[in-house]
N, C-alpha and C. Protein backbone atom coordinates (compact mmCIF):
# COMPACT_ATOMS: atom_id res chain seq x y z
N MET A 1 28.44 53.87 13.99
CA MET A 1 26.99 53.88 13.96
C MET A 1 26.40 54.01 15.37
N ASN A 2 27.12 53.48 16.37
CA ASN A 2 26.61 53.56 17.74
C ASN A 2 26.45 55.00 18.21
N LYS A 3 27.35 55.91 17.79
CA LYS A 3 27.25 57.31 18.18
C LYS A 3 26.00 57.94 17.58
N LEU A 4 25.68 57.56 16.36
CA LEU A 4 24.51 58.10 15.68
C LEU A 4 23.24 57.65 16.40
N ILE A 5 23.15 56.38 16.72
CA ILE A 5 21.98 55.86 17.44
C ILE A 5 21.90 56.45 18.83
N SER A 6 23.03 56.57 19.51
CA SER A 6 23.04 57.15 20.86
C SER A 6 22.53 58.58 20.84
N LYS A 7 22.92 59.35 19.83
CA LYS A 7 22.45 60.73 19.71
C LYS A 7 20.95 60.77 19.46
N ALA A 8 20.43 59.87 18.62
CA ALA A 8 18.99 59.82 18.37
C ALA A 8 18.23 59.50 19.65
N ILE A 9 18.74 58.58 20.44
CA ILE A 9 18.09 58.23 21.72
C ILE A 9 18.16 59.41 22.68
N GLN A 10 19.30 60.09 22.74
CA GLN A 10 19.45 61.27 23.59
C GLN A 10 18.45 62.35 23.18
N MET A 11 18.28 62.56 21.89
CA MET A 11 17.35 63.58 21.40
C MET A 11 15.90 63.19 21.67
N MET A 12 15.60 61.89 21.62
CA MET A 12 14.25 61.42 21.92
C MET A 12 13.83 61.87 23.32
N LYS A 13 14.77 61.87 24.25
CA LYS A 13 14.48 62.26 25.63
C LYS A 13 14.21 63.75 25.77
N LYS A 14 14.53 64.53 24.75
CA LYS A 14 14.28 65.98 24.76
C LYS A 14 12.99 66.36 24.05
N ALA A 15 12.31 65.37 23.49
CA ALA A 15 11.09 65.64 22.72
C ALA A 15 10.03 66.33 23.57
N GLN A 16 9.25 67.17 22.91
CA GLN A 16 8.11 67.84 23.54
C GLN A 16 6.85 67.27 22.89
N ALA A 17 6.28 66.26 23.54
CA ALA A 17 5.12 65.56 22.96
C ALA A 17 3.99 65.44 23.98
N PRO A 18 3.45 66.57 24.46
CA PRO A 18 2.42 66.52 25.50
C PRO A 18 1.07 66.01 25.00
N TYR A 19 0.85 65.99 23.70
CA TYR A 19 -0.45 65.58 23.17
C TYR A 19 -0.46 64.12 22.74
N SER A 20 0.57 63.68 22.07
CA SER A 20 0.61 62.29 21.61
C SER A 20 1.34 61.38 22.59
N ASN A 21 2.18 61.96 23.45
CA ASN A 21 3.05 61.18 24.33
C ASN A 21 3.92 60.21 23.54
N TYR A 22 4.25 60.57 22.31
CA TYR A 22 5.08 59.74 21.44
C TYR A 22 6.35 60.51 21.12
N SER A 23 7.39 60.25 21.88
CA SER A 23 8.66 60.95 21.71
C SER A 23 9.51 60.31 20.63
N VAL A 24 10.07 61.15 19.78
CA VAL A 24 10.93 60.69 18.69
C VAL A 24 12.20 61.53 18.69
N GLY A 25 13.32 60.86 18.46
CA GLY A 25 14.59 61.55 18.30
C GLY A 25 15.21 61.17 16.97
N ALA A 26 15.96 62.09 16.40
CA ALA A 26 16.65 61.82 15.14
C ALA A 26 18.06 62.37 15.23
N ALA A 27 18.96 61.74 14.50
CA ALA A 27 20.34 62.21 14.41
C ALA A 27 20.83 62.03 12.99
N ILE A 28 21.55 63.03 12.50
CA ILE A 28 22.07 63.01 11.14
C ILE A 28 23.59 63.05 11.20
N LYS A 29 24.23 62.17 10.42
CA LYS A 29 25.69 62.23 10.29
C LYS A 29 26.00 63.04 9.04
N ILE A 30 26.81 64.06 9.23
CA ILE A 30 27.19 64.97 8.16
C ILE A 30 28.45 64.44 7.48
N ASP A 31 28.76 64.94 6.29
CA ASP A 31 29.91 64.43 5.55
C ASP A 31 31.24 64.58 6.28
N ASP A 32 31.35 65.51 7.23
CA ASP A 32 32.59 65.64 8.00
C ASP A 32 32.54 64.82 9.30
N LYS A 33 31.57 63.92 9.39
CA LYS A 33 31.37 63.01 10.53
C LYS A 33 30.72 63.67 11.75
N THR A 34 30.36 64.95 11.65
CA THR A 34 29.62 65.63 12.70
C THR A 34 28.24 64.99 12.82
N ILE A 35 27.71 64.91 14.03
CA ILE A 35 26.37 64.38 14.26
C ILE A 35 25.50 65.49 14.84
N ILE A 36 24.37 65.73 14.20
CA ILE A 36 23.43 66.76 14.62
C ILE A 36 22.09 66.10 14.92
N GLY A 37 21.48 66.48 16.03
CA GLY A 37 20.23 65.85 16.45
C GLY A 37 19.03 66.75 16.36
N GLY A 38 17.87 66.12 16.48
CA GLY A 38 16.60 66.82 16.52
C GLY A 38 15.56 65.96 17.21
N CYS A 39 14.51 66.58 17.69
CA CYS A 39 13.43 65.84 18.35
C CYS A 39 12.09 66.38 17.87
N ASN A 40 11.03 65.59 18.09
CA ASN A 40 9.72 66.09 17.70
C ASN A 40 9.26 67.13 18.72
N ILE A 41 8.54 68.13 18.21
CA ILE A 41 8.05 69.22 19.04
C ILE A 41 6.58 69.43 18.67
N GLU A 42 5.70 69.19 19.64
CA GLU A 42 4.27 69.35 19.40
C GLU A 42 3.78 70.69 19.91
N ASN A 43 2.71 71.17 19.29
CA ASN A 43 2.08 72.42 19.67
C ASN A 43 0.58 72.21 19.68
N ALA A 44 -0.13 72.96 20.49
CA ALA A 44 -1.59 72.85 20.53
C ALA A 44 -2.18 73.13 19.15
N SER A 45 -1.53 73.99 18.40
CA SER A 45 -1.90 74.23 17.02
C SER A 45 -1.14 73.20 16.18
N TYR A 46 -1.82 72.12 15.81
CA TYR A 46 -1.16 70.95 15.20
C TYR A 46 -0.24 71.31 14.04
N SER A 47 -0.62 72.28 13.24
CA SER A 47 0.19 72.62 12.06
C SER A 47 1.55 73.21 12.44
N LEU A 48 1.71 73.64 13.67
CA LEU A 48 3.00 74.17 14.13
C LEU A 48 3.91 73.08 14.71
N SER A 49 3.40 71.86 14.82
CA SER A 49 4.22 70.75 15.32
C SER A 49 5.26 70.37 14.28
N MET A 50 6.36 69.77 14.75
CA MET A 50 7.45 69.42 13.84
C MET A 50 8.00 68.05 14.23
N CYS A 51 8.26 67.22 13.22
CA CYS A 51 8.81 65.89 13.48
C CYS A 51 10.32 65.97 13.74
N ALA A 52 10.85 64.95 14.37
CA ALA A 52 12.27 64.91 14.73
C ALA A 52 13.18 64.96 13.51
N GLU A 53 12.79 64.27 12.46
CA GLU A 53 13.62 64.24 11.26
C GLU A 53 13.79 65.64 10.67
N ARG A 54 12.71 66.38 10.64
CA ARG A 54 12.77 67.73 10.08
C ARG A 54 13.56 68.67 10.98
N THR A 55 13.39 68.56 12.31
CA THR A 55 14.16 69.46 13.18
C THR A 55 15.66 69.18 13.05
N ALA A 56 16.03 67.92 12.90
CA ALA A 56 17.45 67.59 12.72
C ALA A 56 17.96 68.16 11.38
N LEU A 57 17.20 67.96 10.32
CA LEU A 57 17.61 68.49 9.01
C LEU A 57 17.68 70.01 9.02
N PHE A 58 16.68 70.66 9.60
CA PHE A 58 16.68 72.12 9.65
C PHE A 58 17.86 72.64 10.45
N SER A 59 18.19 71.97 11.56
CA SER A 59 19.35 72.38 12.37
C SER A 59 20.64 72.25 11.57
N ALA A 60 20.78 71.14 10.86
CA ALA A 60 21.99 70.91 10.07
C ALA A 60 22.12 71.96 8.96
N ILE A 61 21.04 72.21 8.26
CA ILE A 61 21.07 73.19 7.18
C ILE A 61 21.33 74.59 7.72
N ALA A 62 20.73 74.94 8.87
CA ALA A 62 20.95 76.24 9.48
C ALA A 62 22.41 76.44 9.88
N GLN A 63 23.11 75.34 10.13
CA GLN A 63 24.53 75.41 10.48
C GLN A 63 25.43 75.36 9.24
N GLY A 64 24.81 75.32 8.06
CA GLY A 64 25.57 75.38 6.82
C GLY A 64 25.92 74.04 6.20
N HIS A 65 25.40 72.95 6.74
CA HIS A 65 25.70 71.63 6.20
C HIS A 65 24.74 71.29 5.06
N LYS A 66 25.27 70.62 4.04
CA LYS A 66 24.45 70.25 2.89
C LYS A 66 24.64 68.81 2.45
N GLN A 67 25.64 68.12 2.96
CA GLN A 67 25.92 66.74 2.58
C GLN A 67 25.67 65.84 3.78
N PHE A 68 24.78 64.87 3.62
CA PHE A 68 24.40 63.98 4.71
C PHE A 68 24.77 62.54 4.36
N ILE A 69 25.25 61.81 5.36
CA ILE A 69 25.67 60.42 5.16
C ILE A 69 24.60 59.44 5.64
N ALA A 70 24.07 59.67 6.83
CA ALA A 70 23.10 58.73 7.41
C ALA A 70 22.21 59.45 8.41
N MET A 71 21.05 58.85 8.67
CA MET A 71 20.13 59.37 9.68
C MET A 71 19.65 58.21 10.54
N ALA A 72 19.61 58.42 11.85
CA ALA A 72 19.05 57.44 12.77
C ALA A 72 17.81 58.05 13.40
N ILE A 73 16.81 57.21 13.62
CA ILE A 73 15.56 57.64 14.24
C ILE A 73 15.28 56.69 15.39
N ALA A 74 14.91 57.25 16.55
CA ALA A 74 14.65 56.43 17.73
C ALA A 74 13.31 56.78 18.35
N THR A 75 12.58 55.74 18.77
CA THR A 75 11.33 55.91 19.52
C THR A 75 11.33 54.91 20.67
N LYS A 76 10.50 55.15 21.65
CA LYS A 76 10.43 54.22 22.78
C LYS A 76 9.84 52.88 22.36
N THR A 77 8.87 52.90 21.46
CA THR A 77 8.19 51.66 21.08
C THR A 77 8.80 50.99 19.85
N GLY A 78 9.51 51.75 19.03
CA GLY A 78 10.02 51.19 17.78
C GLY A 78 11.51 50.96 17.75
N GLY A 79 12.19 51.25 18.85
CA GLY A 79 13.64 51.08 18.86
C GLY A 79 14.32 52.15 18.04
N ALA A 80 15.39 51.77 17.36
CA ALA A 80 16.15 52.73 16.55
C ALA A 80 16.33 52.16 15.15
N HIS A 81 16.35 53.05 14.17
CA HIS A 81 16.50 52.65 12.77
C HIS A 81 17.50 53.59 12.12
N VAL A 82 18.36 53.06 11.28
CA VAL A 82 19.36 53.87 10.59
C VAL A 82 19.21 53.68 9.09
N ASP A 83 19.22 54.79 8.36
CA ASP A 83 19.23 54.76 6.90
C ASP A 83 20.46 55.50 6.41
N HIS A 84 21.07 54.97 5.34
CA HIS A 84 22.22 55.62 4.72
C HIS A 84 21.74 56.35 3.48
N VAL A 85 22.38 57.47 3.20
CA VAL A 85 22.05 58.26 2.03
C VAL A 85 22.94 57.82 0.88
N ASP A 86 22.34 57.48 -0.24
CA ASP A 86 23.11 57.12 -1.43
C ASP A 86 23.47 58.39 -2.19
N LYS A 87 24.72 58.48 -2.59
CA LYS A 87 25.15 59.66 -3.34
C LYS A 87 25.05 59.40 -4.82
């Protein structure tokens, strides 16, 4: 679990949040134990902004993954949180 949280924290540092200044990182553990990350990305056109959870999921799906075990989410103010996926 530490690797999953560490990846979420690492991804939080890559966030592009010039409007909210609220950086979020997410990491997903795939069924083969691979960990894929994502971060929030803001745009001046709000509807083009994307949350960290979605960027991580989209990255995983784009790489051909479909089975997820757990997701960790990290923020500077909220710490880190991990949820497991029930099959």
